[in-house]
């Protein structure tokens, strides 16, 4: 997808119900003419629906400690191989996006946590 990063931001604003009327108008006009963005927007909606549909699922009490114990430890040079314990999220869902970013959603609050550039 080669569209403006701004359009992607507008999609997230829309889904977060934080979009202005002006940005929504720009987004709607763009989606009418861009099939790649239409597909990406559908995928974002599906991901949110999935997160919302799994909100009742509870991880076992020892889930975080088991996952953390299986991850690599901090490297000797001081650069962490992993950000250690706890980001404060009980359970998250990560998925690759069509915008060359990995998206992480907090299942408890049903909100996006962050995106990581992968390209």
Protein backbone atom coordinates (compact mmCIF):
# COMPACT_ATOMS: atom_id res chain seq x y z
CA UNK A 1 0.00 0.00 0.00
CA UNK A 2 1.53 3.27 -1.09
CA UNK A 3 -1.00 5.71 0.33
CA UNK A 4 -0.27 8.52 2.73
CA UNK A 5 0.50 7.61 6.33
CA UNK A 6 -2.03 10.30 7.16
CA UNK A 7 -4.84 8.17 5.70
CA UNK A 8 -3.78 5.27 7.95
CA UNK A 9 -3.82 7.66 10.92
CA UNK A 10 -7.33 8.77 9.95
CA UNK A 11 -8.44 5.13 9.90
CA UNK A 12 -7.18 4.70 13.45
CA UNK A 13 -8.82 7.96 14.52
CA UNK A 14 -12.09 6.74 13.02
CA UNK A 15 -11.92 3.36 14.72
CA UNK A 16 -11.02 5.02 18.02
CA UNK A 17 -14.02 7.33 17.56
CA UNK A 18 -11.68 10.34 17.78
CA UNK A 19 -11.86 11.58 14.19
CA UNK A 20 -12.81 15.13 13.30
CA UNK A 21 -15.48 15.82 10.67
CA UNK A 22 -12.82 17.13 8.30
CA UNK A 23 -10.61 14.05 8.65
CA UNK A 24 -13.60 11.74 8.30
CA UNK A 25 -14.59 13.45 5.05
CA UNK A 26 -11.05 13.07 3.69
CA UNK A 27 -10.96 9.41 4.75
CA UNK A 28 -14.35 8.60 3.19
CA UNK A 29 -13.39 10.25 -0.10
CA UNK A 30 -10.10 8.37 -0.18
CA UNK A 31 -11.72 5.02 0.61
CA UNK A 32 -14.13 5.46 -2.29
CA UNK A 33 -11.25 5.50 -4.74
CA UNK A 34 -8.56 3.29 -3.16
CA UNK A 35 -9.15 -0.46 -3.08
CA UNK A 36 -5.93 -1.11 -1.11
CA UNK A 37 -7.07 1.16 1.69
CA UNK A 38 -10.58 -0.31 1.57
CA UNK A 39 -9.07 -3.75 2.15
CA UNK A 40 -6.77 -2.51 4.91
CA UNK A 41 -9.68 -0.77 6.64
CA UNK A 42 -11.75 -3.98 6.45
CA UNK A 43 -8.84 -5.90 7.99
CA UNK A 44 -8.56 -3.38 10.83
CA UNK A 45 -12.29 -3.75 11.49
CA UNK A 46 -11.97 -7.56 11.50
CA UNK A 47 -9.07 -7.37 13.96
CA UNK A 48 -11.04 -5.16 16.31
CA UNK A 49 -14.05 -7.47 16.06
CA UNK A 50 -11.80 -10.42 16.89
CA UNK A 51 -10.35 -8.64 19.90
CA UNK A 52 -13.81 -7.71 21.12
CA UNK A 53 -15.15 -11.23 20.62
CA UNK A 54 -12.36 -12.72 22.74
CA UNK A 55 -12.60 -10.25 25.62
CA UNK A 56 -14.22 -12.86 27.87
CA UNK A 57 -11.22 -15.20 27.58
CA UNK A 58 -9.02 -15.15 30.66
CA UNK A 59 -5.38 -16.22 30.71
CA UNK A 60 -4.29 -18.48 33.58
CA UNK A 61 -2.83 -16.66 36.59
CA UNK A 62 0.69 -17.89 35.81
CA UNK A 63 0.53 -17.07 32.08
CA UNK A 64 2.73 -13.94 32.21
CA UNK A 65 5.41 -15.54 34.36
CA UNK A 66 5.54 -18.62 32.12
CA UNK A 67 5.85 -16.53 28.96
CA UNK A 68 8.45 -14.22 30.49
CA UNK A 69 10.54 -17.14 31.75
CA UNK A 70 10.68 -18.55 28.21
CA UNK A 71 11.90 -15.31 26.60
CA UNK A 72 15.55 -14.30 26.11
CA UNK A 73 17.17 -12.38 28.95
CA UNK A 74 18.93 -9.03 28.72
CA UNK A 75 22.12 -9.10 26.67
CA UNK A 76 25.48 -8.46 28.39
CA UNK A 77 26.10 -5.24 26.43
CA UNK A 78 23.18 -3.60 28.19
CA UNK A 79 20.81 -3.63 25.23
CA UNK A 80 17.73 -5.52 26.25
CA UNK A 81 16.78 -8.44 24.04
CA UNK A 82 13.31 -7.89 25.40
CA UNK A 83 11.55 -5.27 27.42
CA UNK A 84 11.19 -7.13 30.67
CA UNK A 85 8.03 -7.53 32.73
CA UNK A 86 5.13 -6.12 32.69
CA UNK A 87 3.81 -3.57 30.35
CA UNK A 88 0.64 -3.59 32.42
CA UNK A 89 -1.38 -5.52 29.86
CA UNK A 90 -2.90 -8.81 30.94
CA UNK A 91 -3.35 -10.23 27.48
CA UNK A 92 -2.65 -8.87 24.05
CA UNK A 93 -3.16 -9.83 20.44
CA UNK A 94 -0.54 -9.00 17.83
CA UNK A 95 -1.12 -9.15 14.10
CA UNK A 96 0.67 -7.99 10.95
CA UNK A 97 -0.97 -5.08 9.17
CA UNK A 98 -1.14 -4.31 5.48
CA UNK A 99 0.74 -1.09 6.24
CA UNK A 100 4.04 -2.93 7.03
CA UNK A 101 3.47 -2.53 10.77
CA UNK A 102 2.81 -5.02 13.53
CA UNK A 103 -0.21 -4.02 15.60
CA UNK A 104 -0.68 -4.94 19.26
CA UNK A 105 -4.11 -4.78 20.89
CA UNK A 106 -4.87 -4.99 24.61
CA UNK A 107 -7.63 -7.58 24.90
CA UNK A 108 -8.86 -6.29 28.25
CA UNK A 109 -9.46 -2.69 27.24
CA UNK A 110 -10.06 -3.56 23.55
CA UNK A 111 -7.72 -0.81 22.45
CA UNK A 112 -4.67 -0.64 20.21
CA UNK A 113 -1.48 -0.50 22.24
CA UNK A 114 1.11 0.34 19.59
CA UNK A 115 2.41 -0.37 16.10
CA UNK A 116 5.93 -1.37 15.14
CA UNK A 117 7.38 -0.69 11.70
CA UNK A 118 8.42 -3.98 10.10
CA UNK A 119 9.49 -2.83 6.63
